[in-house]
Amino acid sequence: MKKTIALVAIASAMTAAPAMAQDSNTAPGGLYVGALAGFEGLDVESSDGSVTADADSAVYGINAGYDLSLGSAFVGVEGELSTSGGSTEFPGSFAGARDGLDADGQYYIGARAGFALTPGIAAYGKVGYTALDTRAFTSAGSLGELEENADGMRFGGGLQVQLPGPLEGRLEYRRSNYSDVGGDVGDVSTDQVVAGLGLRF
């Protein structure tokens, strides 16, 4: 409930700001860099599908990209580097060699497209390639750690708000899916809700 209230407050503040910004209903364009932070839910399934585990953590990172303005719409490319502290352990009934997984760095490159809703506010969707650094371990410490880099697909969407000057804010949801991570770990997915602050050139 507290997370929901916080997200509503962020969204309300962001939608109030564009009155101070641009007057025309034109989509954003140009280069941008930014920072983001928010919430991540991590879901892990064993390779045999017998058990699952999940964890919540903070996520934060940096991004950069370029948007091509097409009047009231835009298309663009974007890259992102982020990290989180999600750590899961399968139930004690699991018979696999490694019963825990840590999620670390995430790397993303993809495309996005959107359109202006009102002067200063744009909605967008995104899709692209993502990679996840993982560390499988045993809770008993009887086996060495197994580090893997998993490939996957990310999709999501959000709202982007022009703030005074070159600043802009965004509120975004995205989901990343990774298949067959390796070892005793099968599919992994992350659900993230992040807020970002960027500088557009």
N, C-alpha and C. Protein backbone atom coordinates (compact mmCIF):
# COMPACT_ATOMS: atom_id res chain seq x y z
N MET A 1 0.82 -1.20 0.00
CA MET A 1 0.00 0.00 0.00
C MET A 1 0.86 1.26 0.00
N LYS A 2 1.95 1.24 0.81
CA LYS A 2 2.83 2.40 0.85
C LYS A 2 3.47 2.65 -0.50
N LYS A 3 3.83 1.54 -1.23
CA LYS A 3 4.43 1.69 -2.55
C LYS A 3 3.45 2.33 -3.52
N THR A 4 2.17 1.90 -3.43
CA THR A 4 1.14 2.46 -4.31
C THR A 4 0.95 3.94 -4.06
N ILE A 5 0.88 4.34 -2.79
CA ILE A 5 0.71 5.76 -2.45
C ILE A 5 1.89 6.58 -2.95
N ALA A 6 3.11 6.04 -2.81
CA ALA A 6 4.30 6.76 -3.26
C ALA A 6 4.28 6.96 -4.77
N LEU A 7 3.89 5.92 -5.52
CA LEU A 7 3.85 6.02 -6.97
C LEU A 7 2.81 7.01 -7.43
N VAL A 8 1.63 7.03 -6.76
CA VAL A 8 0.59 8.00 -7.10
C VAL A 8 1.07 9.42 -6.85
N ALA A 9 1.79 9.62 -5.75
CA ALA A 9 2.31 10.95 -5.43
C ALA A 9 3.32 11.41 -6.47
N ILE A 10 4.19 10.49 -6.91
CA ILE A 10 5.18 10.84 -7.94
C ILE A 10 4.49 11.21 -9.23
N ALA A 11 3.49 10.41 -9.62
CA ALA A 11 2.77 10.67 -10.87
C ALA A 11 2.05 12.01 -10.81
N SER A 12 1.44 12.33 -9.67
CA SER A 12 0.73 13.61 -9.52
C SER A 12 1.67 14.79 -9.65
N ALA A 13 2.83 14.67 -9.03
CA ALA A 13 3.81 15.76 -9.10
C ALA A 13 4.32 15.94 -10.52
N MET A 14 4.53 14.84 -11.23
CA MET A 14 5.05 14.92 -12.59
C MET A 14 4.04 15.54 -13.54
N THR A 15 2.77 15.20 -13.39
CA THR A 15 1.76 15.73 -14.31
C THR A 15 1.44 17.19 -14.02
N ALA A 16 1.78 17.68 -12.86
CA ALA A 16 1.55 19.08 -12.55
C ALA A 16 2.63 19.99 -13.12
N ALA A 17 3.82 19.44 -13.35
CA ALA A 17 4.95 20.25 -13.78
C ALA A 17 4.88 20.79 -15.19
N PRO A 18 4.29 20.11 -16.18
CA PRO A 18 4.36 20.60 -17.56
C PRO A 18 3.73 21.95 -17.80
N ALA A 19 2.90 22.42 -16.91
CA ALA A 19 2.32 23.75 -17.10
C ALA A 19 3.40 24.82 -17.14
N MET A 20 4.56 24.52 -16.55
CA MET A 20 5.68 25.45 -16.54
C MET A 20 6.57 25.27 -17.76
N ALA A 21 6.31 24.23 -18.56
CA ALA A 21 7.21 23.90 -19.66
C ALA A 21 6.62 24.29 -21.00
N GLN A 22 6.70 23.40 -22.01
CA GLN A 22 6.40 23.78 -23.37
C GLN A 22 4.91 24.05 -23.58
N ASP A 23 4.62 24.84 -24.64
CA ASP A 23 3.26 25.23 -24.94
C ASP A 23 2.65 24.36 -26.04
N SER A 24 3.42 23.87 -26.99
CA SER A 24 2.88 23.13 -28.12
C SER A 24 2.82 21.65 -27.81
N ASN A 25 1.91 20.96 -28.50
CA ASN A 25 1.72 19.54 -28.31
C ASN A 25 2.70 18.77 -29.20
N THR A 26 4.00 18.91 -28.92
CA THR A 26 5.07 18.33 -29.73
C THR A 26 5.81 17.28 -28.93
N ALA A 27 6.08 16.14 -29.55
CA ALA A 27 6.79 15.06 -28.88
C ALA A 27 8.26 15.43 -28.68
N PRO A 28 8.93 14.86 -27.67
CA PRO A 28 10.33 15.19 -27.40
C PRO A 28 11.25 14.66 -28.50
N GLY A 29 12.41 15.29 -28.64
CA GLY A 29 13.40 14.84 -29.61
C GLY A 29 14.79 15.20 -29.15
N GLY A 30 15.81 14.50 -29.67
CA GLY A 30 17.20 14.80 -29.35
C GLY A 30 17.82 13.80 -28.41
N LEU A 31 19.09 14.06 -28.06
CA LEU A 31 19.83 13.22 -27.15
C LEU A 31 19.42 13.47 -25.70
N TYR A 32 19.53 12.44 -24.86
CA TYR A 32 19.26 12.61 -23.44
C TYR A 32 20.09 11.62 -22.63
N VAL A 33 20.37 11.99 -21.39
CA VAL A 33 20.99 11.10 -20.41
C VAL A 33 20.20 11.23 -19.13
N GLY A 34 20.21 10.18 -18.30
CA GLY A 34 19.41 10.26 -17.09
C GLY A 34 19.81 9.22 -16.06
N ALA A 35 19.17 9.32 -14.90
CA ALA A 35 19.33 8.37 -13.81
C ALA A 35 17.95 7.92 -13.37
N LEU A 36 17.87 6.71 -12.83
CA LEU A 36 16.58 6.16 -12.43
C LEU A 36 16.73 5.33 -11.17
N ALA A 37 15.61 5.16 -10.47
CA ALA A 37 15.59 4.34 -9.26
C ALA A 37 14.15 3.90 -9.02
N GLY A 38 14.01 2.75 -8.36
CA GLY A 38 12.66 2.27 -8.08
C GLY A 38 12.64 0.91 -7.44
N PHE A 39 11.57 0.16 -7.71
CA PHE A 39 11.28 -1.12 -7.08
C PHE A 39 11.42 -2.25 -8.09
N GLU A 40 11.96 -3.40 -7.64
CA GLU A 40 12.06 -4.58 -8.49
C GLU A 40 11.50 -5.80 -7.78
N GLY A 41 10.67 -6.56 -8.50
CA GLY A 41 10.23 -7.88 -8.05
C GLY A 41 10.92 -8.93 -8.89
N LEU A 42 11.60 -9.86 -8.24
CA LEU A 42 12.37 -10.92 -8.91
C LEU A 42 11.67 -12.25 -8.70
N ASP A 43 11.41 -12.98 -9.80
CA ASP A 43 10.79 -14.30 -9.73
C ASP A 43 11.70 -15.32 -10.40
N VAL A 44 11.94 -16.44 -9.70
CA VAL A 44 12.87 -17.46 -10.17
C VAL A 44 12.17 -18.82 -10.13
N GLU A 45 12.38 -19.62 -11.17
CA GLU A 45 11.84 -20.98 -11.25
C GLU A 45 12.99 -21.97 -11.40
N SER A 46 12.89 -23.11 -10.74
CA SER A 46 13.93 -24.13 -10.87
C SER A 46 13.90 -24.71 -12.28
N SER A 47 15.01 -25.30 -12.69
CA SER A 47 15.11 -25.81 -14.05
C SER A 47 14.12 -26.94 -14.33
N ASP A 48 13.72 -27.69 -13.29
CA ASP A 48 12.74 -28.76 -13.48
C ASP A 48 11.31 -28.29 -13.26
N GLY A 49 11.13 -27.00 -12.94
CA GLY A 49 9.80 -26.44 -12.77
C GLY A 49 9.10 -26.85 -11.49
N SER A 50 9.82 -27.46 -10.56
CA SER A 50 9.18 -27.99 -9.35
C SER A 50 8.95 -26.94 -8.27
N VAL A 51 9.79 -25.92 -8.20
CA VAL A 51 9.67 -24.91 -7.15
C VAL A 51 9.93 -23.52 -7.73
N THR A 52 9.47 -22.51 -7.01
CA THR A 52 9.72 -21.12 -7.38
C THR A 52 10.16 -20.34 -6.15
N ALA A 53 10.75 -19.18 -6.38
CA ALA A 53 11.14 -18.29 -5.30
C ALA A 53 11.04 -16.86 -5.81
N ASP A 54 10.87 -15.92 -4.88
CA ASP A 54 10.77 -14.52 -5.29
C ASP A 54 11.39 -13.62 -4.23
N ALA A 55 11.69 -12.41 -4.65
CA ALA A 55 12.29 -11.42 -3.74
C ALA A 55 12.00 -10.02 -4.26
N ASP A 56 11.93 -9.06 -3.33
CA ASP A 56 11.77 -7.65 -3.66
C ASP A 56 13.03 -6.89 -3.29
N SER A 57 13.37 -5.89 -4.10
CA SER A 57 14.56 -5.10 -3.81
C SER A 57 14.46 -3.75 -4.51
N ALA A 58 15.42 -2.90 -4.23
CA ALA A 58 15.54 -1.62 -4.94
C ALA A 58 16.33 -1.85 -6.22
N VAL A 59 16.09 -1.01 -7.21
CA VAL A 59 16.86 -1.03 -8.45
C VAL A 59 17.23 0.41 -8.79
N TYR A 60 18.42 0.62 -9.32
CA TYR A 60 18.85 1.96 -9.71
C TYR A 60 19.84 1.85 -10.87
N GLY A 61 19.94 2.91 -11.65
CA GLY A 61 20.83 2.85 -12.80
C GLY A 61 20.91 4.14 -13.57
N ILE A 62 21.51 4.07 -14.76
CA ILE A 62 21.65 5.21 -15.65
C ILE A 62 21.20 4.80 -17.05
N ASN A 63 20.76 5.77 -17.83
CA ASN A 63 20.34 5.49 -19.21
C ASN A 63 20.73 6.64 -20.12
N ALA A 64 20.69 6.37 -21.41
CA ALA A 64 20.96 7.38 -22.43
C ALA A 64 20.30 6.94 -23.72
N GLY A 65 19.95 7.91 -24.56
CA GLY A 65 19.30 7.56 -25.81
C GLY A 65 19.12 8.74 -26.73
N TYR A 66 18.44 8.46 -27.83
CA TYR A 66 18.14 9.50 -28.81
C TYR A 66 16.72 9.30 -29.31
N ASP A 67 15.94 10.38 -29.35
CA ASP A 67 14.58 10.36 -29.87
C ASP A 67 14.51 11.22 -31.13
N LEU A 68 13.79 10.74 -32.12
CA LEU A 68 13.51 11.50 -33.33
C LEU A 68 12.07 11.98 -33.26
N SER A 69 11.88 13.30 -33.18
CA SER A 69 10.54 13.86 -33.09
C SER A 69 9.88 13.86 -34.46
N LEU A 70 8.63 13.37 -34.49
CA LEU A 70 7.84 13.33 -35.72
C LEU A 70 6.57 14.15 -35.54
N GLY A 71 6.72 15.34 -34.99
CA GLY A 71 5.56 16.17 -34.69
C GLY A 71 4.98 15.77 -33.35
N SER A 72 3.79 15.19 -33.35
CA SER A 72 3.16 14.77 -32.09
C SER A 72 3.58 13.37 -31.67
N ALA A 73 4.42 12.69 -32.46
CA ALA A 73 4.90 11.35 -32.13
C ALA A 73 6.43 11.33 -32.16
N PHE A 74 7.02 10.24 -31.65
CA PHE A 74 8.47 10.11 -31.71
C PHE A 74 8.86 8.64 -31.73
N VAL A 75 10.05 8.37 -32.25
CA VAL A 75 10.68 7.05 -32.19
C VAL A 75 12.11 7.25 -31.70
N GLY A 76 12.68 6.23 -31.07
CA GLY A 76 14.02 6.41 -30.55
C GLY A 76 14.70 5.11 -30.18
N VAL A 77 15.96 5.23 -29.80
CA VAL A 77 16.75 4.11 -29.30
C VAL A 77 17.26 4.48 -27.91
N GLU A 78 17.49 3.44 -27.07
CA GLU A 78 17.86 3.70 -25.69
C GLU A 78 18.72 2.57 -25.15
N GLY A 79 19.70 2.93 -24.32
CA GLY A 79 20.51 1.96 -23.61
C GLY A 79 20.46 2.23 -22.12
N GLU A 80 20.62 1.17 -21.33
CA GLU A 80 20.53 1.34 -19.87
C GLU A 80 21.43 0.34 -19.16
N LEU A 81 22.03 0.79 -18.07
CA LEU A 81 22.78 -0.06 -17.16
C LEU A 81 22.19 0.12 -15.77
N SER A 82 21.75 -0.98 -15.15
CA SER A 82 21.15 -0.89 -13.82
C SER A 82 21.61 -2.05 -12.96
N THR A 83 21.35 -1.95 -11.66
CA THR A 83 21.71 -3.01 -10.73
C THR A 83 20.67 -3.09 -9.63
N SER A 84 20.54 -4.26 -9.03
CA SER A 84 19.61 -4.46 -7.93
C SER A 84 20.21 -5.44 -6.94
N GLY A 85 19.51 -5.64 -5.84
CA GLY A 85 20.03 -6.53 -4.81
C GLY A 85 19.14 -7.72 -4.55
N GLY A 86 18.37 -8.17 -5.57
CA GLY A 86 17.45 -9.28 -5.37
C GLY A 86 18.18 -10.59 -5.09
N SER A 87 17.77 -11.31 -4.03
CA SER A 87 18.38 -12.58 -3.67
C SER A 87 17.28 -13.55 -3.27
N THR A 88 17.23 -14.72 -3.92
CA THR A 88 16.18 -15.71 -3.66
C THR A 88 16.78 -17.03 -3.22
N GLU A 89 15.97 -17.82 -2.49
CA GLU A 89 16.33 -19.18 -2.12
C GLU A 89 15.12 -20.08 -2.30
N PHE A 90 15.33 -21.22 -2.96
CA PHE A 90 14.25 -22.19 -3.14
C PHE A 90 13.88 -22.82 -1.80
N PRO A 91 12.66 -23.35 -1.69
CA PRO A 91 12.26 -24.02 -0.43
C PRO A 91 13.16 -25.19 -0.09
N GLY A 92 13.16 -25.59 1.19
CA GLY A 92 14.02 -26.67 1.66
C GLY A 92 13.75 -27.99 0.99
N SER A 93 12.56 -28.15 0.40
CA SER A 93 12.22 -29.41 -0.27
C SER A 93 12.95 -29.59 -1.60
N PHE A 94 13.58 -28.53 -2.11
CA PHE A 94 14.26 -28.60 -3.41
C PHE A 94 15.52 -29.45 -3.29
N ALA A 95 15.68 -30.40 -4.22
CA ALA A 95 16.80 -31.35 -4.14
C ALA A 95 17.98 -30.96 -5.02
N GLY A 96 17.92 -29.82 -5.69
CA GLY A 96 18.99 -29.42 -6.59
C GLY A 96 20.26 -29.04 -5.85
N ALA A 97 21.37 -28.98 -6.59
CA ALA A 97 22.67 -28.69 -5.99
C ALA A 97 22.75 -27.24 -5.50
N ARG A 98 22.25 -26.30 -6.32
CA ARG A 98 22.30 -24.89 -5.94
C ARG A 98 20.87 -24.39 -5.74
N ASP A 99 20.58 -23.88 -4.54
CA ASP A 99 19.20 -23.54 -4.19
C ASP A 99 18.94 -22.05 -4.04
N GLY A 100 19.90 -21.21 -4.46
CA GLY A 100 19.71 -19.77 -4.35
C GLY A 100 20.23 -19.04 -5.56
N LEU A 101 19.67 -17.85 -5.79
CA LEU A 101 20.10 -17.04 -6.94
C LEU A 101 20.11 -15.57 -6.56
N ASP A 102 21.21 -14.90 -6.85
CA ASP A 102 21.32 -13.45 -6.71
C ASP A 102 21.25 -12.81 -8.09
N ALA A 103 20.50 -11.71 -8.21
CA ALA A 103 20.47 -10.91 -9.44
C ALA A 103 21.33 -9.68 -9.23
N ASP A 104 22.11 -9.34 -10.24
CA ASP A 104 23.03 -8.20 -10.08
C ASP A 104 22.81 -7.21 -11.22
N GLY A 105 23.80 -7.02 -12.08
CA GLY A 105 23.71 -6.03 -13.14
C GLY A 105 22.73 -6.43 -14.24
N GLN A 106 22.04 -5.44 -14.80
CA GLN A 106 21.18 -5.65 -15.95
C GLN A 106 21.57 -4.65 -17.04
N TYR A 107 21.61 -5.13 -18.28
CA TYR A 107 22.01 -4.32 -19.41
C TYR A 107 20.89 -4.37 -20.44
N TYR A 108 20.57 -3.22 -21.00
CA TYR A 108 19.43 -3.15 -21.93
C TYR A 108 19.77 -2.25 -23.10
N ILE A 109 19.36 -2.68 -24.30
CA ILE A 109 19.40 -1.81 -25.47
C ILE A 109 18.16 -2.13 -26.30
N GLY A 110 17.45 -1.09 -26.70
CA GLY A 110 16.21 -1.34 -27.41
C GLY A 110 15.65 -0.10 -28.07
N ALA A 111 14.43 -0.25 -28.55
CA ALA A 111 13.74 0.84 -29.24
C ALA A 111 12.52 1.27 -28.44
N ARG A 112 12.11 2.49 -28.66
CA ARG A 112 10.89 2.97 -28.04
C ARG A 112 10.17 3.90 -29.00
N ALA A 113 8.88 4.06 -28.78
CA ALA A 113 8.05 4.94 -29.60
C ALA A 113 6.91 5.47 -28.74
N GLY A 114 6.48 6.69 -29.05
CA GLY A 114 5.42 7.28 -28.24
C GLY A 114 4.78 8.46 -28.93
N PHE A 115 3.90 9.11 -28.19
CA PHE A 115 3.18 10.26 -28.72
C PHE A 115 2.83 11.22 -27.59
N ALA A 116 2.66 12.48 -27.95
CA ALA A 116 2.32 13.50 -26.97
C ALA A 116 0.86 13.39 -26.58
N LEU A 117 0.58 13.35 -25.28
CA LEU A 117 -0.79 13.34 -24.79
C LEU A 117 -1.32 14.74 -24.63
N THR A 118 -0.53 15.60 -24.05
CA THR A 118 -0.83 17.01 -23.84
C THR A 118 0.49 17.75 -23.98
N PRO A 119 0.49 19.07 -24.04
CA PRO A 119 1.77 19.79 -24.05
C PRO A 119 2.63 19.41 -22.84
N GLY A 120 3.79 18.84 -23.10
CA GLY A 120 4.72 18.50 -22.03
C GLY A 120 4.60 17.10 -21.48
N ILE A 121 3.60 16.32 -21.89
CA ILE A 121 3.44 14.95 -21.40
C ILE A 121 3.33 13.99 -22.58
N ALA A 122 4.16 12.96 -22.58
CA ALA A 122 4.14 11.95 -23.65
C ALA A 122 4.04 10.56 -23.05
N ALA A 123 3.33 9.68 -23.74
CA ALA A 123 3.26 8.26 -23.38
C ALA A 123 4.11 7.47 -24.35
N TYR A 124 4.71 6.37 -23.90
CA TYR A 124 5.59 5.61 -24.78
C TYR A 124 5.58 4.12 -24.40
N GLY A 125 5.98 3.31 -25.35
CA GLY A 125 6.22 1.90 -25.13
C GLY A 125 7.65 1.58 -25.55
N LYS A 126 8.19 0.47 -25.06
CA LYS A 126 9.57 0.11 -25.36
C LYS A 126 9.72 -1.40 -25.43
N VAL A 127 10.71 -1.86 -26.21
CA VAL A 127 11.01 -3.28 -26.30
C VAL A 127 12.46 -3.43 -26.74
N GLY A 128 13.13 -4.46 -26.25
CA GLY A 128 14.52 -4.64 -26.65
C GLY A 128 15.19 -5.81 -25.96
N TYR A 129 16.49 -5.93 -26.23
CA TYR A 129 17.32 -7.00 -25.68
C TYR A 129 17.83 -6.61 -24.30
N THR A 130 17.88 -7.58 -23.39
CA THR A 130 18.42 -7.33 -22.06
C THR A 130 19.26 -8.52 -21.61
N ALA A 131 20.23 -8.26 -20.77
CA ALA A 131 21.07 -9.32 -20.20
C ALA A 131 21.13 -9.13 -18.69
N LEU A 132 21.22 -10.24 -17.97
CA LEU A 132 21.20 -10.21 -16.51
C LEU A 132 22.38 -11.01 -15.96
N ASP A 133 23.17 -10.39 -15.08
CA ASP A 133 24.23 -11.09 -14.36
C ASP A 133 23.63 -11.80 -13.16
N THR A 134 23.87 -13.10 -13.03
CA THR A 134 23.34 -13.87 -11.91
C THR A 134 24.46 -14.62 -11.20
N ARG A 135 24.15 -15.01 -9.95
CA ARG A 135 25.08 -15.80 -9.14
C ARG A 135 24.28 -16.87 -8.41
N ALA A 136 24.44 -18.13 -8.83
CA ALA A 136 23.76 -19.24 -8.16
C ALA A 136 24.64 -19.76 -7.03
N PHE A 137 24.02 -20.11 -5.90
CA PHE A 137 24.80 -20.54 -4.74
C PHE A 137 24.01 -21.60 -3.95
N THR A 138 24.69 -22.22 -3.01
CA THR A 138 24.03 -23.14 -2.08
C THR A 138 23.93 -22.44 -0.73
N SER A 139 22.77 -22.54 -0.10
CA SER A 139 22.59 -21.89 1.20
C SER A 139 23.51 -22.52 2.25
N ALA A 140 23.90 -23.79 2.04
CA ALA A 140 24.80 -24.45 2.98
C ALA A 140 26.26 -24.14 2.70
N GLY A 141 26.54 -23.53 1.56
CA GLY A 141 27.90 -23.19 1.22
C GLY A 141 28.75 -24.39 0.84
N SER A 142 28.11 -25.51 0.45
CA SER A 142 28.84 -26.73 0.15
C SER A 142 29.39 -26.79 -1.27
N LEU A 143 28.92 -25.90 -2.16
CA LEU A 143 29.39 -25.85 -3.54
C LEU A 143 29.82 -24.44 -3.88
N GLY A 144 30.75 -24.34 -4.82
CA GLY A 144 31.18 -23.02 -5.27
C GLY A 144 30.06 -22.29 -6.01
N GLU A 145 30.17 -20.99 -6.07
CA GLU A 145 29.17 -20.18 -6.76
C GLU A 145 29.27 -20.38 -8.27
N LEU A 146 28.12 -20.25 -8.93
CA LEU A 146 28.06 -20.38 -10.38
C LEU A 146 27.54 -19.06 -10.95
N GLU A 147 28.43 -18.35 -11.64
CA GLU A 147 28.05 -17.06 -12.21
C GLU A 147 27.66 -17.24 -13.68
N GLU A 148 26.51 -16.67 -14.05
CA GLU A 148 26.00 -16.78 -15.41
C GLU A 148 25.51 -15.42 -15.89
N ASN A 149 25.55 -15.22 -17.21
CA ASN A 149 24.96 -14.04 -17.83
C ASN A 149 23.82 -14.52 -18.72
N ALA A 150 22.59 -14.16 -18.37
CA ALA A 150 21.41 -14.65 -19.08
C ALA A 150 20.91 -13.60 -20.07
N ASP A 151 20.49 -14.06 -21.25
CA ASP A 151 19.91 -13.18 -22.26
C ASP A 151 18.40 -13.21 -22.16
N GLY A 152 17.76 -12.08 -22.51
CA GLY A 152 16.31 -12.03 -22.45
C GLY A 152 15.72 -10.89 -23.24
N MET A 153 14.44 -10.69 -23.04
CA MET A 153 13.68 -9.64 -23.71
C MET A 153 12.98 -8.77 -22.67
N ARG A 154 13.01 -7.46 -22.91
CA ARG A 154 12.33 -6.52 -22.02
C ARG A 154 11.27 -5.76 -22.80
N PHE A 155 10.13 -5.54 -22.16
CA PHE A 155 9.10 -4.67 -22.73
C PHE A 155 8.48 -3.85 -21.61
N GLY A 156 7.95 -2.70 -21.96
CA GLY A 156 7.37 -1.85 -20.94
C GLY A 156 6.79 -0.58 -21.54
N GLY A 157 6.45 0.34 -20.66
CA GLY A 157 5.88 1.61 -21.09
C GLY A 157 5.82 2.58 -19.94
N GLY A 158 5.54 3.84 -20.27
CA GLY A 158 5.50 4.83 -19.21
C GLY A 158 5.04 6.19 -19.68
N LEU A 159 5.17 7.14 -18.79
CA LEU A 159 4.87 8.54 -19.06
C LEU A 159 6.14 9.36 -18.91
N GLN A 160 6.32 10.30 -19.82
CA GLN A 160 7.48 11.19 -19.81
C GLN A 160 6.98 12.63 -19.72
N VAL A 161 7.57 13.40 -18.83
CA VAL A 161 7.09 14.75 -18.54
C VAL A 161 8.21 15.75 -18.70
N GLN A 162 7.98 16.80 -19.48
CA GLN A 162 8.97 17.87 -19.60
C GLN A 162 8.90 18.76 -18.38
N LEU A 163 10.05 18.99 -17.77
CA LEU A 163 10.19 19.86 -16.61
C LEU A 163 10.83 21.17 -17.05
N PRO A 164 10.92 22.18 -16.18
CA PRO A 164 11.54 23.45 -16.58
C PRO A 164 12.96 23.27 -17.11
N GLY A 165 13.29 24.03 -18.14
CA GLY A 165 14.62 23.96 -18.73
C GLY A 165 14.81 22.66 -19.48
N PRO A 166 16.02 22.09 -19.47
CA PRO A 166 16.30 20.86 -20.22
C PRO A 166 15.94 19.59 -19.46
N LEU A 167 15.36 19.72 -18.28
CA LEU A 167 15.07 18.55 -17.45
C LEU A 167 13.78 17.85 -17.89
N GLU A 168 13.74 16.55 -17.69
CA GLU A 168 12.52 15.79 -17.92
C GLU A 168 12.44 14.65 -16.91
N GLY A 169 11.22 14.26 -16.59
CA GLY A 169 11.01 13.15 -15.66
C GLY A 169 10.23 12.05 -16.34
N ARG A 170 10.31 10.84 -15.77
CA ARG A 170 9.53 9.74 -16.32
C ARG A 170 9.13 8.77 -15.21
N LEU A 171 8.02 8.11 -15.42
CA LEU A 171 7.55 7.05 -14.54
C LEU A 171 7.28 5.86 -15.44
N GLU A 172 7.90 4.71 -15.15
CA GLU A 172 7.92 3.62 -16.11
C GLU A 172 7.76 2.26 -15.45
N TYR A 173 7.01 1.39 -16.13
CA TYR A 173 6.93 -0.02 -15.75
C TYR A 173 7.59 -0.84 -16.86
N ARG A 174 8.37 -1.86 -16.46
CA ARG A 174 8.95 -2.75 -17.47
C ARG A 174 9.10 -4.16 -16.90
N ARG A 175 8.99 -5.14 -17.79
CA ARG A 175 9.15 -6.55 -17.42
C ARG A 175 10.24 -7.17 -18.30
N SER A 176 11.12 -7.93 -17.66
CA SER A 176 12.19 -8.62 -18.38
C SER A 176 12.07 -10.12 -18.13
N ASN A 177 12.18 -10.91 -19.21
CA ASN A 177 12.09 -12.36 -19.12
C ASN A 177 13.38 -13.01 -19.60
N TYR A 178 13.91 -13.93 -18.78
CA TYR A 178 15.14 -14.65 -19.11
C TYR A 178 14.85 -16.15 -19.03
N SER A 179 15.23 -16.91 -20.07
CA SER A 179 14.94 -18.34 -20.13
C SER A 179 16.19 -19.17 -19.89
N ASP A 180 16.01 -20.26 -19.14
CA ASP A 180 17.09 -21.25 -18.93
C ASP A 180 18.39 -20.59 -18.52
N VAL A 181 18.38 -19.99 -17.33
CA VAL A 181 19.56 -19.26 -16.84
C VAL A 181 20.76 -20.20 -16.71
N GLY A 182 20.54 -21.42 -16.25
CA GLY A 182 21.65 -22.37 -16.14
C GLY A 182 21.73 -23.03 -14.79
N GLY A 183 22.41 -24.18 -14.73
CA GLY A 183 22.51 -24.92 -13.48
C GLY A 183 21.15 -25.46 -13.06
N ASP A 184 20.77 -25.21 -11.83
CA ASP A 184 19.47 -25.65 -11.32
C ASP A 184 18.40 -24.57 -11.48
N VAL A 185 18.74 -23.48 -12.15
CA VAL A 185 17.81 -22.36 -12.32
C VAL A 185 17.26 -22.38 -13.74
N GLY A 186 15.94 -22.28 -13.87
CA GLY A 186 15.30 -22.23 -15.17
C GLY A 186 15.02 -20.81 -15.60
N ASP A 187 13.75 -20.44 -15.62
CA ASP A 187 13.35 -19.11 -16.07
C ASP A 187 13.40 -18.10 -14.94
N VAL A 188 13.78 -16.88 -15.29
CA VAL A 188 13.83 -15.76 -14.34
C VAL A 188 13.11 -14.58 -14.96
N SER A 189 12.36 -13.84 -14.16
CA SER A 189 11.72 -12.62 -14.66
C SER A 189 11.84 -11.52 -13.61
N THR A 190 11.88 -10.29 -14.08
CA THR A 190 11.88 -9.13 -13.19
C THR A 190 10.77 -8.18 -13.61
N ASP A 191 10.06 -7.65 -12.61
CA ASP A 191 9.07 -6.59 -12.82
C ASP A 191 9.57 -5.37 -12.07
N GLN A 192 9.70 -4.25 -12.78
CA GLN A 192 10.25 -3.04 -12.19
C GLN A 192 9.32 -1.85 -12.40
N VAL A 193 9.22 -1.02 -11.39
CA VAL A 193 8.58 0.30 -11.51
C VAL A 193 9.61 1.33 -11.09
N VAL A 194 9.99 2.22 -12.00
CA VAL A 194 11.07 3.16 -11.74
C VAL A 194 10.63 4.59 -12.05
N ALA A 195 11.23 5.51 -11.36
CA ALA A 195 11.10 6.94 -11.66
C ALA A 195 12.46 7.44 -12.13
N GLY A 196 12.48 8.32 -13.10
CA GLY A 196 13.75 8.80 -13.63
C GLY A 196 13.79 10.31 -13.81
N LEU A 197 14.98 10.84 -13.78
CA LEU A 197 15.21 12.26 -14.04
C LEU A 197 16.29 12.35 -15.11
N GLY A 198 16.01 13.10 -16.18
CA GLY A 198 16.95 13.15 -17.29
C GLY A 198 17.26 14.58 -17.73
N LEU A 199 18.29 14.68 -18.55
CA LEU A 199 18.74 15.95 -19.13
C LEU A 199 18.74 15.78 -20.64
N ARG A 200 17.98 16.61 -21.33
CA ARG A 200 17.87 16.50 -22.78
C ARG A 200 18.67 17.62 -23.46
N PHE A 201 19.39 17.24 -24.50
CA PHE A 201 20.27 18.19 -25.21
C PHE A 201 19.61 18.65 -26.51
